[in-house]
PDB file of N, CA and C in Angstrom:
ATOM      1  N   MET A   1     -11.358 -11.736  14.502  1.00  0.00           N
ATOM      2  CA  MET A   1     -10.139 -11.060  14.118  1.00  0.00           C
ATOM      3  C   MET A   1      -8.953 -11.875  14.646  1.00  0.00           C
ATOM      4  N   ALA A   2      -8.043 -12.204  13.764  1.00  0.00           N
ATOM      5  CA  ALA A   2      -6.884 -13.025  14.126  1.00  0.00           C
ATOM      6  C   ALA A   2      -5.739 -12.162  14.647  1.00  0.00           C
ATOM      7  N   VAL A   3      -4.861 -12.797  15.394  1.00  0.00           N
ATOM      8  CA  VAL A   3      -3.660 -12.130  15.893  1.00  0.00           C
ATOM      9  C   VAL A   3      -2.464 -12.976  15.473  1.00  0.00           C
ATOM     10  N   ASN A   4      -1.510 -12.338  14.823  1.00  0.00           N
ATOM     11  CA  ASN A   4      -0.283 -13.017  14.400  1.00  0.00           C
ATOM     12  C   ASN A   4       0.905 -12.121  14.678  1.00  0.00           C
ATOM     13  N   ARG A   5       2.072 -12.743  14.692  1.00  0.00           N
ATOM     14  CA  ARG A   5       3.313 -11.994  14.886  1.00  0.00           C
ATOM     15  C   ARG A   5       4.068 -11.967  13.561  1.00  0.00           C
ATOM     16  N   VAL A   6       4.636 -10.805  13.255  1.00  0.00           N
ATOM     17  CA  VAL A   6       5.476 -10.659  12.066  1.00  0.00           C
ATOM     18  C   VAL A   6       6.746  -9.932  12.477  1.00  0.00           C
ATOM     19  N   LYS A   7       7.756 -10.050  11.643  1.00  0.00           N
ATOM     20  CA  LYS A   7       9.029  -9.393  11.925  1.00  0.00           C
ATOM     21  C   LYS A   7       9.328  -8.404  10.808  1.00  0.00           C
ATOM     22  N   ILE A   8       9.559  -7.152  11.198  1.00  0.00           N
ATOM     23  CA  ILE A   8       9.906  -6.097  10.247  1.00  0.00           C
ATOM     24  C   ILE A   8      11.120  -5.361  10.797  1.00  0.00           C
ATOM     25  N   SER A   9      12.173  -5.319  10.020  1.00  0.00           N
ATOM     26  CA  SER A   9      13.415  -4.636  10.402  1.00  0.00           C
ATOM     27  C   SER A   9      13.936  -5.090  11.759  1.00  0.00           C
ATOM     28  N   GLY A  10      13.819  -6.379  12.002  1.00  0.00           N
ATOM     29  CA  GLY A  10      14.334  -6.920  13.249  1.00  0.00           C
ATOM     30  C   GLY A  10      13.391  -6.790  14.432  1.00  0.00           C
ATOM     31  N   TYR A  11      12.285  -6.112  14.254  1.00  0.00           N
ATOM     32  CA  TYR A  11      11.306  -5.945  15.324  1.00  0.00           C
ATOM     33  C   TYR A  11      10.157  -6.917  15.116  1.00  0.00           C
ATOM     34  N   GLU A  12       9.898  -7.728  16.132  1.00  0.00           N
ATOM     35  CA  GLU A  12       8.760  -8.634  16.055  1.00  0.00           C
ATOM     36  C   GLU A  12       7.559  -7.916  16.651  1.00  0.00           C
ATOM     37  N   ILE A  13       6.492  -7.857  15.867  1.00  0.00           N
ATOM     38  CA  ILE A  13       5.293  -7.168  16.341  1.00  0.00           C
ATOM     39  C   ILE A  13       4.082  -8.081  16.231  1.00  0.00           C
ATOM     40  N   GLN A  14       3.159  -7.859  17.134  1.00  0.00           N
ATOM     41  CA  GLN A  14       1.910  -8.608  17.125  1.00  0.00           C
ATOM     42  C   GLN A  14       0.873  -7.755  16.408  1.00  0.00           C
ATOM     43  N   VAL A  15       0.178  -8.369  15.451  1.00  0.00           N
ATOM     44  CA  VAL A  15      -0.778  -7.629  14.628  1.00  0.00           C
ATOM     45  C   VAL A  15      -2.139  -8.312  14.692  1.00  0.00           C
ATOM     46  N   ARG A  16      -3.153  -7.532  14.969  1.00  0.00           N
ATOM     47  CA  ARG A  16      -4.536  -8.002  14.927  1.00  0.00           C
ATOM     48  C   ARG A  16      -5.052  -7.659  13.534  1.00  0.00           C
ATOM     49  N   HIS A  17      -5.605  -8.651  12.810  1.00  0.00           N
ATOM     50  CA  HIS A  17      -5.935  -8.410  11.406  1.00  0.00           C
ATOM     51  C   HIS A  17      -7.107  -9.262  10.946  1.00  0.00           C
ATOM     52  N   ASP A  18      -7.649  -8.885   9.792  1.00  0.00           N
ATOM     53  CA  ASP A  18      -8.768  -9.607   9.180  1.00  0.00           C
ATOM     54  C   ASP A  18      -8.361 -10.344   7.911  1.00  0.00           C
ATOM     55  N   THR A  19      -7.083 -10.517   7.689  1.00  0.00           N
ATOM     56  CA  THR A  19      -6.605 -11.174   6.476  1.00  0.00           C
ATOM     57  C   THR A  19      -5.993 -12.527   6.834  1.00  0.00           C
ATOM     58  N   THR A  20      -5.486 -13.221   5.842  1.00  0.00           N
ATOM     59  CA  THR A  20      -4.856 -14.512   6.127  1.00  0.00           C
ATOM     60  C   THR A  20      -3.455 -14.284   6.696  1.00  0.00           C
ATOM     61  N   PRO A  21      -2.974 -15.218   7.504  1.00  0.00           N
ATOM     62  CA  PRO A  21      -1.612 -15.091   8.027  1.00  0.00           C
ATOM     63  C   PRO A  21      -0.576 -15.017   6.902  1.00  0.00           C
ATOM     64  N   GLU A  22      -0.832 -15.735   5.815  1.00  0.00           N
ATOM     65  CA  GLU A  22       0.101 -15.718   4.677  1.00  0.00           C
ATOM     66  C   GLU A  22       0.178 -14.328   4.054  1.00  0.00           C
ATOM     67  N   ARG A  23      -0.972 -13.696   3.904  1.00  0.00           N
ATOM     68  CA  ARG A  23      -0.989 -12.345   3.330  1.00  0.00           C
ATOM     69  C   ARG A  23      -0.282 -11.363   4.259  1.00  0.00           C
ATOM     70  N   LEU A  24      -0.551 -11.466   5.545  1.00  0.00           N
ATOM     71  CA  LEU A  24       0.095 -10.588   6.517  1.00  0.00           C
ATOM     72  C   LEU A  24       1.609 -10.762   6.467  1.00  0.00           C
ATOM     73  N   THR A  25       2.062 -12.004   6.396  1.00  0.00           N
ATOM     74  CA  THR A  25       3.500 -12.280   6.313  1.00  0.00           C
ATOM     75  C   THR A  25       4.083 -11.702   5.030  1.00  0.00           C
ATOM     76  N   ARG A  26       3.362 -11.859   3.926  1.00  0.00           N
ATOM     77  CA  ARG A  26       3.831 -11.314   2.646  1.00  0.00           C
ATOM     78  C   ARG A  26       3.938  -9.789   2.717  1.00  0.00           C
ATOM     79  N   LEU A  27       2.932  -9.134   3.294  1.00  0.00           N
ATOM     80  CA  LEU A  27       2.964  -7.674   3.416  1.00  0.00           C
ATOM     81  C   LEU A  27       4.110  -7.225   4.319  1.00  0.00           C
ATOM     82  N   ALA A  28       4.305  -7.927   5.426  1.00  0.00           N
ATOM     83  CA  ALA A  28       5.401  -7.587   6.340  1.00  0.00           C
ATOM     84  C   ALA A  28       6.749  -7.750   5.645  1.00  0.00           C
ATOM     85  N   SER A  29       6.895  -8.804   4.855  1.00  0.00           N
ATOM     86  CA  SER A  29       8.146  -9.023   4.112  1.00  0.00           C
ATOM     87  C   SER A  29       8.382  -7.911   3.103  1.00  0.00           C
ATOM     88  N   TRP A  30       7.317  -7.474   2.460  1.00  0.00           N
ATOM     89  CA  TRP A  30       7.421  -6.383   1.482  1.00  0.00           C
ATOM     90  C   TRP A  30       7.866  -5.096   2.171  1.00  0.00           C
ATOM     91  N   ILE A  31       7.240  -4.770   3.299  1.00  0.00           N
ATOM     92  CA  ILE A  31       7.618  -3.565   4.045  1.00  0.00           C
ATOM     93  C   ILE A  31       9.062  -3.680   4.521  1.00  0.00           C
ATOM     94  N   ASP A  32       9.441  -4.839   5.019  1.00  0.00           N
ATOM     95  CA  ASP A  32      10.812  -5.066   5.464  1.00  0.00           C
ATOM     96  C   ASP A  32      11.794  -4.812   4.327  1.00  0.00           C
ATOM     97  N   LYS A  33      11.473  -5.311   3.143  1.00  0.00           N
ATOM     98  CA  LYS A  33      12.329  -5.117   1.961  1.00  0.00           C
ATOM     99  C   LYS A  33      12.448  -3.634   1.617  1.00  0.00           C
ATOM    100  N   LEU A  34      11.328  -2.915   1.634  1.00  0.00           N
ATOM    101  CA  LEU A  34      11.352  -1.486   1.308  1.00  0.00           C
ATOM    102  C   LEU A  34      12.193  -0.704   2.314  1.00  0.00           C
ATOM    103  N   ILE A  35      12.089  -1.049   3.585  1.00  0.00           N
ATOM    104  CA  ILE A  35      12.882  -0.371   4.615  1.00  0.00           C
ATOM    105  C   ILE A  35      14.363  -0.681   4.424  1.00  0.00           C
ATOM    106  N   ARG A  36      14.699  -1.943   4.138  1.00  0.00           N
ATOM    107  CA  ARG A  36      16.103  -2.305   3.889  1.00  0.00           C
ATOM    108  C   ARG A  36      16.673  -1.532   2.708  1.00  0.00           C
ATOM    109  N   GLU A  37      15.870  -1.385   1.646  1.00  0.00           N
ATOM    110  CA  GLU A  37      16.323  -0.630   0.471  1.00  0.00           C
ATOM    111  C   GLU A  37      16.614   0.825   0.841  1.00  0.00           C
ATOM    112  N   LYS A  38      15.774   1.415   1.679  1.00  0.00           N
ATOM    113  CA  LYS A  38      16.009   2.801   2.119  1.00  0.00           C
ATOM    114  C   LYS A  38      17.290   2.880   2.940  1.00  0.00           C
ATOM    115  N   LYS A  39      17.491   1.896   3.841  1.00  0.00           N
ATOM    116  CA  LYS A  39      18.701   1.888   4.664  1.00  0.00           C
ATOM    117  C   LYS A  39      19.944   1.813   3.787  1.00  0.00           C
ATOM    118  N   GLU A  40      19.887   0.977   2.748  1.00  0.00           N
ATOM    119  CA  GLU A  40      21.024   0.841   1.835  1.00  0.00           C
ATOM    120  C   GLU A  40      21.254   2.131   1.065  1.00  0.00           C
ATOM    121  N   LYS A  41      20.181   2.777   0.662  1.00  0.00           N
ATOM    122  CA  LYS A  41      20.285   3.995  -0.139  1.00  0.00           C
ATOM    123  C   LYS A  41      20.826   5.169   0.678  1.00  0.00           C
ATOM    124  N   PHE A  42      20.349   5.311   1.913  1.00  0.00           N
ATOM    125  CA  PHE A  42      20.694   6.491   2.706  1.00  0.00           C
ATOM    126  C   PHE A  42      21.745   6.239   3.777  1.00  0.00           C
ATOM    127  N   GLY A  43      22.169   5.004   3.949  1.00  0.00           N
ATOM    128  CA  GLY A  43      23.217   4.713   4.925  1.00  0.00           C
ATOM    129  C   GLY A  43      22.750   4.856   6.356  1.00  0.00           C
ATOM    130  N   LYS A  44      23.408   5.752   7.079  1.00  0.00           N
ATOM    131  CA  LYS A  44      23.100   5.911   8.504  1.00  0.00           C
ATOM    132  C   LYS A  44      21.811   6.701   8.688  1.00  0.00           C
ATOM    133  N   ILE A  45      20.733   5.993   8.658  1.00  0.00           N
ATOM    134  CA  ILE A  45      19.416   6.590   8.853  1.00  0.00           C
ATOM    135  C   ILE A  45      18.651   5.648   9.786  1.00  0.00           C
ATOM    136  N   SER A  46      17.890   6.208  10.670  1.00  0.00           N
ATOM    137  CA  SER A  46      17.174   5.377  11.641  1.00  0.00           C
ATOM    138  C   SER A  46      16.070   4.561  10.971  1.00  0.00           C
ATOM    139  N   ILE A  47      15.722   3.473  11.627  1.00  0.00           N
ATOM    140  CA  ILE A  47      14.619   2.636  11.143  1.00  0.00           C
ATOM    141  C   ILE A  47      13.336   3.467  11.121  1.00  0.00           C
ATOM    142  N   ALA A  48      13.164   4.317  12.118  1.00  0.00           N
ATOM    143  CA  ALA A  48      11.951   5.156  12.175  1.00  0.00           C
ATOM    144  C   ALA A  48      11.858   6.060  10.950  1.00  0.00           C
ATOM    145  N   ARG A  49      12.969   6.683  10.580  1.00  0.00           N
ATOM    146  CA  ARG A  49      12.960   7.552   9.385  1.00  0.00           C
ATOM    147  C   ARG A  49      12.695   6.743   8.126  1.00  0.00           C
ATOM    148  N   CYS A  50      13.320   5.572   8.037  1.00  0.00           N
ATOM    149  CA  CYS A  50      13.080   4.694   6.883  1.00  0.00           C
ATOM    150  C   CYS A  50      11.608   4.327   6.802  1.00  0.00           C
ATOM    151  N   ALA A  51      11.030   3.966   7.941  1.00  0.00           N
ATOM    152  CA  ALA A  51       9.617   3.584   7.969  1.00  0.00           C
ATOM    153  C   ALA A  51       8.740   4.752   7.537  1.00  0.00           C
ATOM    154  N   LEU A  52       9.079   5.965   7.967  1.00  0.00           N
ATOM    155  CA  LEU A  52       8.305   7.142   7.558  1.00  0.00           C
ATOM    156  C   LEU A  52       8.439   7.396   6.062  1.00  0.00           C
ATOM    157  N   LEU A  53       9.640   7.254   5.523  1.00  0.00           N
ATOM    158  CA  LEU A  53       9.833   7.436   4.081  1.00  0.00           C
ATOM    159  C   LEU A  53       9.046   6.400   3.289  1.00  0.00           C
ATOM    160  N   VAL A  54       9.079   5.159   3.752  1.00  0.00           N
ATOM    161  CA  VAL A  54       8.318   4.095   3.090  1.00  0.00           C
ATOM    162  C   VAL A  54       6.827   4.402   3.172  1.00  0.00           C
ATOM    163  N   ALA A  55       6.363   4.833   4.343  1.00  0.00           N
ATOM    164  CA  ALA A  55       4.940   5.168   4.507  1.00  0.00           C
ATOM    165  C   ALA A  55       4.532   6.289   3.554  1.00  0.00           C
ATOM    166  N   LEU A  56       5.365   7.314   3.418  1.00  0.00           N
ATOM    167  CA  LEU A  56       5.057   8.417   2.501  1.00  0.00           C
ATOM    168  C   LEU A  56       5.017   7.946   1.052  1.00  0.00           C
ATOM    169  N   GLU A  57       5.975   7.104   0.666  1.00  0.00           N
ATOM    170  CA  GLU A  57       5.986   6.585  -0.708  1.00  0.00           C
ATOM    171  C   GLU A  57       4.748   5.745  -0.992  1.00  0.00           C
ATOM    172  N   LEU A  58       4.382   4.885  -0.041  1.00  0.00           N
ATOM    173  CA  LEU A  58       3.199   4.046  -0.230  1.00  0.00           C
ATOM    174  C   LEU A  58       1.927   4.885  -0.258  1.00  0.00           C
ATOM    175  N   ALA A  59       1.862   5.914   0.595  1.00  0.00           N
ATOM    176  CA  ALA A  59       0.696   6.805   0.591  1.00  0.00           C
ATOM    177  C   ALA A  59       0.593   7.537  -0.742  1.00  0.00           C
ATOM    178  N   ASP A  60       1.733   7.955  -1.294  1.00  0.00           N
ATOM    179  CA  ASP A  60       1.740   8.634  -2.587  1.00  0.00           C
ATOM    180  C   ASP A  60       1.239   7.702  -3.685  1.00  0.00           C
ATOM    181  N   LYS A  61       1.728   6.464  -3.683  1.00  0.00           N
ATOM    182  CA  LYS A  61       1.278   5.492  -4.692  1.00  0.00           C
ATOM    183  C   LYS A  61      -0.214   5.211  -4.558  1.00  0.00           C
ATOM    184  N   LEU A  62      -0.684   5.077  -3.334  1.00  0.00           N
ATOM    185  CA  LEU A  62      -2.105   4.837  -3.094  1.00  0.00           C
ATOM    186  C   LEU A  62      -2.936   6.012  -3.588  1.00  0.00           C
ATOM    187  N   ASP A  63      -2.481   7.214  -3.309  1.00  0.00           N
ATOM    188  CA  ASP A  63      -3.193   8.415  -3.745  1.00  0.00           C
ATOM    189  C   ASP A  63      -3.231   8.513  -5.269  1.00  0.00           C
ATOM    190  N   GLN A  64      -2.107   8.189  -5.923  1.00  0.00           N
ATOM    191  CA  GLN A  64      -2.070   8.193  -7.387  1.00  0.00           C
ATOM    192  C   GLN A  64      -3.044   7.168  -7.955  1.00  0.00           C
ATOM    193  N   GLN A  65      -3.075   5.977  -7.356  1.00  0.00           N
ATOM    194  CA  GLN A  65      -3.999   4.939  -7.813  1.00  0.00           C
ATOM    195  C   GLN A  65      -5.446   5.382  -7.639  1.00  0.00           C
ATOM    196  N   ARG A  66      -5.729   6.034  -6.521  1.00  0.00           N
ATOM    197  CA  ARG A  66      -7.084   6.528  -6.276  1.00  0.00           C
ATOM    198  C   ARG A  66      -7.464   7.563  -7.327  1.00  0.00           C
ATOM    199  N   ASP A  67      -6.538   8.475  -7.635  1.00  0.00           N
ATOM    200  CA  ASP A  67      -6.797   9.476  -8.676  1.00  0.00           C
ATOM    201  C   ASP A  67      -7.045   8.806 -10.021  1.00  0.00           C
ATOM    202  N   ASN A  68      -6.215   7.816 -10.350  1.00  0.00           N
ATOM    203  CA  ASN A  68      -6.371   7.097 -11.620  1.00  0.00           C
ATOM    204  C   ASN A  68      -7.713   6.390 -11.688  1.00  0.00           C
ATOM    205  N   LEU A  69      -8.106   5.738 -10.596  1.00  0.00           N
ATOM    206  CA  LEU A  69      -9.391   5.039 -10.578  1.00  0.00           C
ATOM    207  C   LEU A  69     -10.551   6.017 -10.691  1.00  0.00           C
ATOM    208  N   SER A  70     -10.434   7.163 -10.030  1.00  0.00           N
ATOM    209  CA  SER A  70     -11.490   8.176 -10.117  1.00  0.00           C
ATOM    210  C   SER A  70     -11.633   8.674 -11.546  1.00  0.00           C
ATOM    211  N   GLU A  71     -10.506   8.894 -12.208  1.00  0.00           N
ATOM    212  CA  GLU A  71     -10.526   9.356 -13.595  1.00  0.00           C
ATOM    213  C   GLU A  71     -11.120   8.283 -14.505  1.00  0.00           C
ATOM    214  N   GLU A  72     -10.704   7.033 -14.311  1.00  0.00           N
ATOM    215  CA  GLU A  72     -11.252   5.931 -15.109  1.00  0.00           C
ATOM    216  C   GLU A  72     -12.756   5.815 -14.898  1.00  0.00           C
ATOM    217  N   PHE A  73     -13.179   5.908 -13.651  1.00  0.00           N
ATOM    218  CA  PHE A  73     -14.599   5.815 -13.332  1.00  0.00           C
ATOM    219  C   PHE A  73     -15.372   6.936 -14.012  1.00  0.00           C
ATOM    220  N   ALA A  74     -14.846   8.161 -13.949  1.00  0.00           N
ATOM    221  CA  ALA A  74     -15.517   9.306 -14.572  1.00  0.00           C
ATOM    222  C   ALA A  74     -15.638   9.101 -16.081  1.00  0.00           C
ATOM    223  N   GLN A  75     -14.577   8.597 -16.723  1.00  0.00           N
ATOM    224  CA  GLN A  75     -14.614   8.357 -18.163  1.00  0.00           C
ATOM    225  C   GLN A  75     -15.631   7.273 -18.522  1.00  0.00           C
ATOM    226  N   LYS A  76     -15.656   6.196 -17.752  1.00  0.00           N
ATOM    227  CA  LYS A  76     -16.611   5.116 -18.021  1.00  0.00           C
ATOM    228  C   LYS A  76     -18.041   5.588 -17.797  1.00  0.00           C
ATOM    229  N   LEU A  77     -18.247   6.363 -16.739  1.00  0.00           N
ATOM    230  CA  LEU A  77     -19.578   6.889 -16.465  1.00  0.00           C
ATOM    231  C   LEU A  77     -20.045   7.794 -17.596  1.00  0.00           C
ATOM    232  N   LYS A  78     -19.149   8.633 -18.099  1.00  0.00           N
ATOM    233  CA  LYS A  78     -19.486   9.530 -19.205  1.00  0.00           C
ATOM    234  C   LYS A  78     -19.835   8.723 -20.457  1.00  0.00           C
ATOM    235  N   ARG A  79     -19.029   7.680 -20.727  1.00  0.00           N
ATOM    236  CA  ARG A  79     -19.279   6.834 -21.898  1.00  0.00           C
ATOM    237  C   ARG A  79     -20.622   6.115 -21.772  1.00  0.00           C
ATOM    238  N   LEU A  80     -20.887   5.542 -20.615  1.00  0.00           N
ATOM    239  CA  LEU A  80     -22.145   4.828 -20.411  1.00  0.00           C
ATOM    240  C   LEU A  80     -23.345   5.768 -20.458  1.00  0.00           C
ATOM    241  N   THR A  81     -23.188   6.957 -19.917  1.00  0.00           N
ATOM    242  CA  THR A  81     -24.266   7.947 -19.977  1.00  0.00           C
ATOM    243  C   THR A  81     -24.570   8.300 -21.426  1.00  0.00           C
ATOM    244  N   GLY A  82     -23.519   8.452 -22.222  1.00  0.00           N
ATOM    245  CA  GLY A  82     -23.699   8.728 -23.647  1.00  0.00           C
ATOM    246  C   GLY A  82     -24.420   7.595 -24.350  1.00  0.00           C
ATOM    247  N   GLU A  83     -24.033   6.357 -24.035  1.00  0.00           N
ATOM    248  CA  GLU A  83     -24.683   5.197 -24.647  1.00  0.00           C
ATOM    249  C   GLU A  83     -26.152   5.113 -24.243  1.00  0.00           C
ATOM    250  N   ILE A  84     -26.445   5.388 -22.993  1.00  0.00           N
ATOM    251  CA  ILE A  84     -27.841   5.368 -22.524  1.00  0.00           C
ATOM    252  C   ILE A  84     -28.648   6.449 -23.223  1.00  0.00           C
ATOM    253  N   ASN A  85     -28.074   7.630 -23.355  1.00  0.00           N
ATOM    254  CA  ASN A  85     -28.774   8.733 -24.024  1.00  0.00           C
ATOM    255  C   ASN A  85     -29.045   8.418 -25.491  1.00  0.00           C
ATOM    256  N   GLU A  86     -28.134   7.678 -26.129  1.00  0.00           N
ATOM    257  CA  GLU A  86     -28.348   7.289 -27.526  1.00  0.00           C
ATOM    258  C   GLU A  86     -29.523   6.326 -27.646  1.00  0.00           C
ATOM    259  N   VAL A  87     -29.658   5.438 -26.687  1.00  0.00           N
ATOM    260  CA  VAL A  87     -30.732   4.446 -26.708  1.00  0.00           C
ATOM    261  C   VAL A  87     -32.081   5.107 -26.415  1.00  0.00           C
ATOM    262  N   ILE A  88     -32.072   6.067 -25.534  1.00  0.00           N
ATOM    263  CA  ILE A  88     -33.322   6.748 -25.158  1.00  0.00           C
ATOM    264  C   ILE A  88     -33.695   7.650 -26.287  1.00  0.00           C
TER     265      ILE A  88
END
């Protein structure tokens, strides 16, 4: 497991991770951008609140993607089951 430092919203943090340093840097830059956008949108709001809002938005997107994948999987499984039943 590698350890690298990244900077998000002016805070340098050390992160232990299983990905490439480039990917970690890209993810940190993305989070930094999302937090900056929240700060611009809401003005005087703490970094902690911005980070929580970003975390909630990302969790919502992840949950939606999971729901979409589950639905896609169910549809494909139903289709394949139908095809198998036709062959049998």
